[in-house]
Amino acid sequence: MTEDERNLDLMVAELEQENRLMRARNERLQHELDRALDDNARFKVTLERIIAVSKLAFRDGVPERVGEVGTKARQQECND
């Protein structure tokens, strides 16, 4: 084996090692991206729920008043 062949073999080995490291990093980054996309989807659902509740609480830009909590009492009828 000549000196040039030896240097080429060493260079190929270094490049293969670098390629393995880059593939491992890419896999870690892909998992991180997947987790971030899942978090984003959950955040979007939560935000949509908050907006829906806010729209129910405010009508025409004015908050609705709540006089009592619970069901309204029935008025008694007079049977004379």
Protein backbone atom coordinates (compact mmCIF):
# COMPACT_ATOMS: atom_id res chain seq x y z
CA MET A 1 0.00 0.00 0.00
CA THR A 2 1.38 3.34 -1.00
CA GLU A 3 1.38 6.49 1.09
CA ASP A 4 -1.42 7.98 -1.05
CA GLU A 5 -3.60 4.88 -0.63
CA ARG A 6 -3.01 4.96 3.13
CA ASN A 7 -3.96 8.65 3.31
CA LEU A 8 -7.09 8.00 1.25
CA ASP A 9 -8.08 5.12 3.57
CA LEU A 10 -7.62 7.35 6.60
CA MET A 11 -9.66 10.11 4.96
CA VAL A 12 -12.45 7.67 4.08
CA ALA A 13 -12.51 6.39 7.69
CA GLU A 14 -12.70 9.96 9.03
CA LEU A 15 -15.52 10.82 6.63
CA GLU A 16 -17.45 7.68 7.56
CA GLN A 17 -17.11 8.57 11.25
CA GLU A 18 -18.27 12.12 10.59
CA ASN A 19 -21.20 10.76 8.57
CA ARG A 20 -22.24 8.51 11.49
CA LEU A 21 -22.08 11.46 13.89
CA MET A 22 -24.15 13.62 11.55
CA ARG A 23 -26.78 10.87 11.17
CA ALA A 24 -27.03 10.51 14.96
CA ARG A 25 -27.38 14.28 15.36
CA ASN A 26 -30.00 14.38 12.62
CA GLU A 27 -31.98 11.66 14.40
CA ARG A 28 -31.84 13.58 17.70
CA LEU A 29 -32.95 16.77 15.94
CA GLN A 30 -35.80 14.91 14.22
CA HIS A 31 -37.05 13.63 17.60
CA GLU A 32 -36.80 17.14 19.02
CA LEU A 33 -38.78 18.50 16.06
CA ASP A 34 -41.47 15.85 16.53
CA ARG A 35 -41.81 16.79 20.22
CA ALA A 36 -41.99 20.49 19.34
CA LEU A 37 -44.70 19.83 16.73
CA ASP A 38 -46.70 17.84 19.30
CA ASP A 39 -46.35 20.65 21.83
CA ASN A 40 -47.43 23.14 19.18
CA ALA A 41 -50.54 21.10 18.36
CA ARG A 42 -51.51 20.86 22.05
CA PHE A 43 -50.91 24.59 22.50
CA LYS A 44 -53.12 25.34 19.48
CA VAL A 45 -55.97 23.23 20.87
CA THR A 46 -55.65 24.91 24.27
CA LEU A 47 -55.63 28.36 22.69
CA GLU A 48 -58.72 27.53 20.60
CA ARG A 49 -60.52 26.43 23.78
CA ILE A 50 -59.56 29.65 25.56
CA ILE A 51 -60.83 31.71 22.63
CA ALA A 52 -64.10 29.76 22.53
CA VAL A 53 -64.69 30.29 26.25
CA SER A 54 -63.79 33.97 25.94
CA LYS A 55 -66.31 34.40 23.14
CA LEU A 56 -68.98 32.87 25.34
CA ALA A 57 -68.10 35.12 28.27
CA PHE A 58 -68.09 38.33 26.23
CA ARG A 59 -70.90 39.27 23.88
CA ASP A 60 -70.67 42.46 21.86
CA GLY A 61 -67.48 43.33 23.73
CA VAL A 62 -69.27 43.50 27.08
CA PRO A 63 -68.99 40.80 29.72
CA GLU A 64 -72.30 39.20 30.61
CA ARG A 65 -73.46 39.60 34.17
CA VAL A 66 -74.14 36.57 36.25
CA GLY A 67 -76.70 37.19 38.95
CA GLU A 68 -76.85 33.75 40.48
CA VAL A 69 -75.06 30.50 40.07
CA GLY A 70 -77.16 27.44 39.45
CA THR A 71 -80.67 26.94 38.15
CA LYS A 72 -83.26 29.66 38.49
CA ALA A 73 -85.97 29.20 41.09
CA ARG A 74 -89.42 28.63 39.68
CA GLN A 75 -92.05 31.22 40.41
CA GLN A 76 -94.98 29.89 42.32
CA GLU A 77 -98.35 30.29 40.74
CA CYS A 78 -101.34 31.51 42.72
CA ASN A 79 -104.30 29.17 42.41
CA ASP A 80 -107.21 31.11 43.90
